[in-house]
Amino acid sequence: MLQVNDINVYYGPIHAIKGLSFEVRPGEIVALIGANGAGKSTVLKTISGLIRPKTGSIVFDGRDITKTEAHKIVQAGLAHVPEGRRIFLQMTVMENLEMGAFTQKSVSEEDLEAVFTRFPRLKERRRQIAGTLSGGEQQMLAMGRALMSRPKLMMLDEPSMGLAPLLVAQIFEIIAELNKSGTTILLVEQNAGMALEVAHRAYVLETGRITLSGTGAELAESDEIKKAYLGG
């Protein structure tokens, strides 16, 4: 579904992503794990058209999207839930969800109902100003807003960041459920233990390069990973 082919990304003179290639197959959860500053968020921003790679290509659902504008990439079925949630704090929950459907012809009641079924808390708080929600509720809203664009592939950037352990477990349960109901997921996550638990496959990113890859279970058992990311 997604093929990233030998991309190089620069911030001015800084070579942030170095010859990166990986793939996400339909129906998978693929995790990108790595330390802070490894380039994980840059990879997602590049895929979603917010940053342009200097060289290399990105193919989504059989179509080259390397030079496609960000809103057209959303239209094609690729949604990005950014780090820090980035919801519209001054708007209500409902208005945020409606914004998620901006690439659709209209806001579908069916899509709204599907989001409310998955996130009952959002239904209860639909008229509440988004900035007054808890961190966990804001993360649910960010994911719900992305679902309103009817994505084939959802990219999640640090969904567990800043959440209490109980909420982290809940968010990962939701990620697994979303995947079971047909959404392919590319997950960027510092909580390597949780990410490897839900991921079918995973890649380890270090200073802009992939240094290891394998199934979630294989990497969770790797001594190198245990030492670097799992405190083992």
Protein backbone atom coordinates (compact mmCIF):
# COMPACT_ATOMS: atom_id res chain seq x y z
CA MET A 1 0.00 0.00 0.00
CA LEU A 2 2.89 2.37 0.79
CA GLN A 3 6.40 2.22 -0.63
CA VAL A 4 9.09 4.65 0.45
CA ASN A 5 12.02 4.34 -1.95
CA ASP A 6 15.47 5.67 -1.06
CA ILE A 7 14.34 9.11 0.18
CA ASN A 8 16.78 11.78 1.33
CA VAL A 9 15.42 14.72 3.31
CA TYR A 10 17.30 17.85 4.32
CA TYR A 11 16.57 20.71 6.72
CA GLY A 12 18.87 23.31 5.14
CA PRO A 13 22.36 21.78 5.35
CA ILE A 14 21.24 19.05 7.80
CA HIS A 15 20.80 15.63 6.20
CA ALA A 16 17.87 14.39 8.32
CA ILE A 17 16.75 11.26 6.43
CA LYS A 18 19.41 9.21 4.65
CA GLY A 19 18.48 6.83 1.84
CA LEU A 20 15.40 5.52 3.63
CA SER A 21 13.33 2.68 2.12
CA PHE A 22 10.50 0.68 3.64
CA GLU A 23 7.01 -0.57 2.87
CA VAL A 24 3.60 -0.96 4.47
CA ARG A 25 1.36 -3.73 3.13
CA PRO A 26 -2.46 -3.58 3.15
CA GLY A 27 -3.96 -4.59 6.50
CA GLU A 28 -0.74 -4.23 8.50
CA ILE A 29 0.27 -2.24 11.54
CA VAL A 30 3.87 -1.19 10.89
CA ALA A 31 5.81 0.57 13.65
CA LEU A 32 8.73 2.96 13.28
CA ILE A 33 10.62 3.08 16.54
CA GLY A 34 13.68 5.03 17.57
CA ALA A 35 15.06 7.56 20.01
CA ASN A 36 14.07 11.22 20.09
CA GLY A 37 15.57 13.03 17.10
CA ALA A 38 15.99 9.86 15.01
CA GLY A 39 13.82 11.38 12.26
CA LYS A 40 10.56 9.48 12.83
CA SER A 41 8.25 12.53 12.61
CA THR A 42 10.17 13.84 9.59
CA VAL A 43 9.44 10.56 7.77
CA LEU A 44 5.68 10.95 8.37
CA LYS A 45 5.69 14.63 7.36
CA THR A 46 7.51 13.70 4.15
CA ILE A 47 5.00 10.94 3.31
CA SER A 48 2.05 13.28 3.93
CA GLY A 49 3.47 16.02 1.69
CA LEU A 50 4.38 18.56 4.39
CA ILE A 51 8.10 18.21 3.57
CA ARG A 52 9.57 17.36 0.16
CA PRO A 53 12.36 14.78 -0.18
CA LYS A 54 15.41 15.93 -2.13
CA THR A 55 15.66 12.53 -3.86
CA GLY A 56 13.75 9.26 -3.86
CA SER A 57 10.05 8.49 -4.30
CA ILE A 58 6.92 7.70 -2.31
CA VAL A 59 4.22 5.50 -3.82
CA PHE A 60 0.82 5.18 -2.13
CA ASP A 61 -1.84 2.77 -3.34
CA GLY A 62 -0.04 2.38 -6.69
CA ARG A 63 0.33 6.13 -7.28
CA ASP A 64 3.48 8.26 -7.02
CA ILE A 65 2.70 10.98 -4.44
CA THR A 66 6.24 12.35 -4.04
CA LYS A 67 5.27 15.78 -5.38
CA THR A 68 1.55 15.71 -4.57
CA GLU A 69 0.05 18.47 -2.40
CA ALA A 70 -0.82 17.48 1.17
CA HIS A 71 -4.62 17.92 0.85
CA LYS A 72 -4.67 15.74 -2.27
CA ILE A 73 -2.76 13.03 -0.38
CA VAL A 74 -5.52 13.10 2.29
CA GLN A 75 -8.08 12.88 -0.52
CA ALA A 76 -6.29 9.79 -1.86
CA GLY A 77 -6.88 8.05 1.49
CA LEU A 78 -3.82 8.77 3.62
CA ALA A 79 -4.46 10.49 6.98
CA HIS A 80 -1.82 11.84 9.35
CA VAL A 81 -2.44 12.26 13.09
CA PRO A 82 0.46 14.54 14.04
CA GLU A 83 2.57 14.53 17.18
CA GLY A 84 1.01 16.73 19.86
CA ARG A 85 -2.48 16.01 18.42
CA ARG A 86 -2.84 19.47 16.77
CA ILE A 87 -6.58 19.67 17.21
CA PHE A 88 -8.37 23.02 16.82
CA LEU A 89 -8.47 24.04 20.49
CA GLN A 90 -10.99 26.89 20.12
CA MET A 91 -13.48 24.77 18.18
CA THR A 92 -15.97 22.27 19.56
CA VAL A 93 -15.43 18.51 19.29
CA MET A 94 -18.08 18.41 16.56
CA GLU A 95 -16.44 21.22 14.56
CA ASN A 96 -13.08 19.40 14.75
CA LEU A 97 -14.68 16.23 13.39
CA GLU A 98 -16.37 18.19 10.60
CA MET A 99 -12.97 19.68 9.68
CA GLY A 100 -11.67 16.12 9.30
CA ALA A 101 -14.20 15.58 6.50
CA PHE A 102 -13.05 18.63 4.48
CA THR A 103 -11.85 16.45 1.58
CA GLN A 104 -15.26 14.72 1.38
CA LYS A 105 -18.22 16.26 -0.46
CA SER A 106 -20.18 16.53 2.79
CA VAL A 107 -20.07 15.45 6.42
CA SER A 108 -21.50 11.94 6.47
CA GLU A 109 -23.78 11.04 9.39
CA GLU A 110 -22.64 7.46 8.95
CA ASP A 111 -18.96 8.44 9.39
CA LEU A 112 -19.83 10.55 12.45
CA GLU A 113 -21.77 7.69 13.98
CA ALA A 114 -18.84 5.32 13.34
CA VAL A 115 -16.49 7.73 15.16
CA PHE A 116 -18.93 8.11 18.07
CA THR A 117 -19.32 4.33 18.33
CA ARG A 118 -15.55 3.92 18.54
CA PHE A 119 -15.11 6.93 20.87
CA PRO A 120 -18.27 7.25 23.03
CA ARG A 121 -16.52 9.97 25.10
CA LEU A 122 -16.50 12.24 22.05
CA LYS A 123 -20.23 11.80 21.60
CA GLU A 124 -20.79 12.86 25.23
CA ARG A 125 -18.57 15.89 24.71
CA ARG A 126 -19.48 16.80 21.14
CA ARG A 127 -20.49 20.37 22.02
CA GLN A 128 -17.52 20.94 24.33
CA ILE A 129 -14.61 23.20 23.33
CA ALA A 130 -11.75 20.87 22.31
CA GLY A 131 -9.17 22.77 24.38
CA THR A 132 -11.01 21.78 27.59
CA LEU A 133 -10.68 18.03 26.92
CA SER A 134 -8.17 15.85 28.78
CA GLY A 135 -5.02 14.66 26.97
CA GLY A 136 -6.53 11.23 26.29
CA GLU A 137 -9.74 12.75 24.95
CA GLN A 138 -7.76 15.09 22.70
CA GLN A 139 -5.87 12.09 21.30
CA MET A 140 -9.18 10.33 20.63
CA LEU A 141 -10.45 13.48 18.90
CA ALA A 142 -7.33 13.69 16.72
CA MET A 143 -7.84 10.06 15.68
CA GLY A 144 -11.59 10.56 15.18
CA ARG A 145 -10.93 13.64 13.03
CA ALA A 146 -8.55 11.61 10.85
CA LEU A 147 -11.14 8.83 10.48
CA MET A 148 -13.62 11.37 9.07
CA SER A 149 -11.47 11.52 5.91
CA ARG A 150 -12.10 7.76 5.37
CA PRO A 151 -8.42 6.77 5.29
CA LYS A 152 -7.07 3.56 3.79
CA LEU A 153 -3.86 4.21 5.70
CA MET A 154 -3.61 6.13 8.95
CA MET A 155 -0.25 7.45 10.19
CA LEU A 156 -0.07 8.03 13.94
CA ASP A 157 2.77 10.12 15.38
CA GLU A 158 3.44 9.41 19.08
CA PRO A 159 -0.21 8.69 20.05
CA SER A 160 0.78 7.75 23.63
CA MET A 161 2.82 10.88 24.33
CA GLY A 162 2.00 12.54 27.65
CA LEU A 163 -0.74 10.07 28.57
CA ALA A 164 -1.19 8.15 31.82
CA PRO A 165 -0.37 4.39 31.56
CA LEU A 166 -4.06 3.40 31.71
CA LEU A 167 -4.87 5.70 28.78
CA VAL A 168 -1.85 4.49 26.84
CA ALA A 169 -3.22 0.93 27.05
CA GLN A 170 -6.63 2.19 25.90
CA ILE A 171 -5.19 4.06 22.90
CA PHE A 172 -3.27 0.96 21.81
CA GLU A 173 -6.42 -1.15 22.12
CA ILE A 174 -8.17 1.36 19.83
CA ILE A 175 -5.27 1.16 17.34
CA ALA A 176 -5.57 -2.65 17.25
CA GLU A 177 -9.37 -2.40 16.79
CA LEU A 178 -9.04 0.15 13.97
CA ASN A 179 -6.65 -2.19 12.22
CA LYS A 180 -8.96 -5.20 12.66
CA SER A 181 -11.79 -3.20 11.09
CA GLY A 182 -9.71 -2.63 7.95
CA THR A 183 -7.49 0.43 8.44
CA THR A 184 -3.81 -0.04 7.64
CA ILE A 185 -1.61 1.77 10.19
CA LEU A 186 1.87 3.27 10.21
CA LEU A 187 2.76 3.99 13.80
CA VAL A 188 5.58 6.20 15.05
CA GLU A 189 6.08 5.62 18.75
CA GLN A 190 8.69 6.12 21.45
CA ASN A 191 6.97 3.55 23.67
CA ALA A 192 8.73 0.71 21.85
CA GLY A 193 7.27 -2.03 24.09
CA MET A 194 3.66 -1.13 23.31
CA ALA A 195 4.39 -0.47 19.64
CA LEU A 196 6.06 -3.86 19.12
CA GLU A 197 3.19 -5.59 20.90
CA VAL A 198 0.60 -4.38 18.34
CA ALA A 199 2.81 -4.19 15.21
CA HIS A 200 2.93 -6.91 12.59
CA ARG A 201 6.29 -5.55 11.46
CA ALA A 202 8.63 -2.82 12.67
CA TYR A 203 11.62 -0.76 11.60
CA VAL A 204 14.20 0.82 13.89
CA LEU A 205 15.31 4.31 12.87
CA GLU A 206 18.62 5.74 14.07
CA THR A 207 19.84 9.17 12.92
CA GLY A 208 17.80 9.06 9.72
CA ARG A 209 18.64 5.48 8.73
CA ILE A 210 16.89 2.15 9.22
CA THR A 211 19.22 -0.06 11.23
CA LEU A 212 16.95 -3.04 11.97
CA SER A 213 13.69 -4.50 10.75
CA GLY A 214 11.58 -7.58 11.45
CA THR A 215 8.27 -8.70 12.86
CA GLY A 216 7.09 -6.99 16.04
CA ALA A 217 7.71 -10.22 17.97
CA GLU A 218 11.25 -10.67 16.56
CA LEU A 219 12.30 -7.15 17.48
CA ALA A 220 10.72 -7.40 20.95
CA GLU A 221 12.94 -10.44 21.56
CA SER A 222 16.12 -8.85 20.14
CA ASP A 223 18.80 -8.22 22.77
CA GLU A 224 19.83 -5.04 20.97
CA ILE A 225 16.28 -3.66 21.14
CA LYS A 226 15.76 -4.76 24.75
CA LYS A 227 18.93 -2.93 25.75
CA ALA A 228 18.28 0.26 23.76
CA TYR A 229 14.51 0.68 24.03
CA LEU A 230 12.90 -1.77 26.46
CA GLY A 231 15.12 -1.24 29.49
CA GLY A 232 16.17 -4.90 29.41
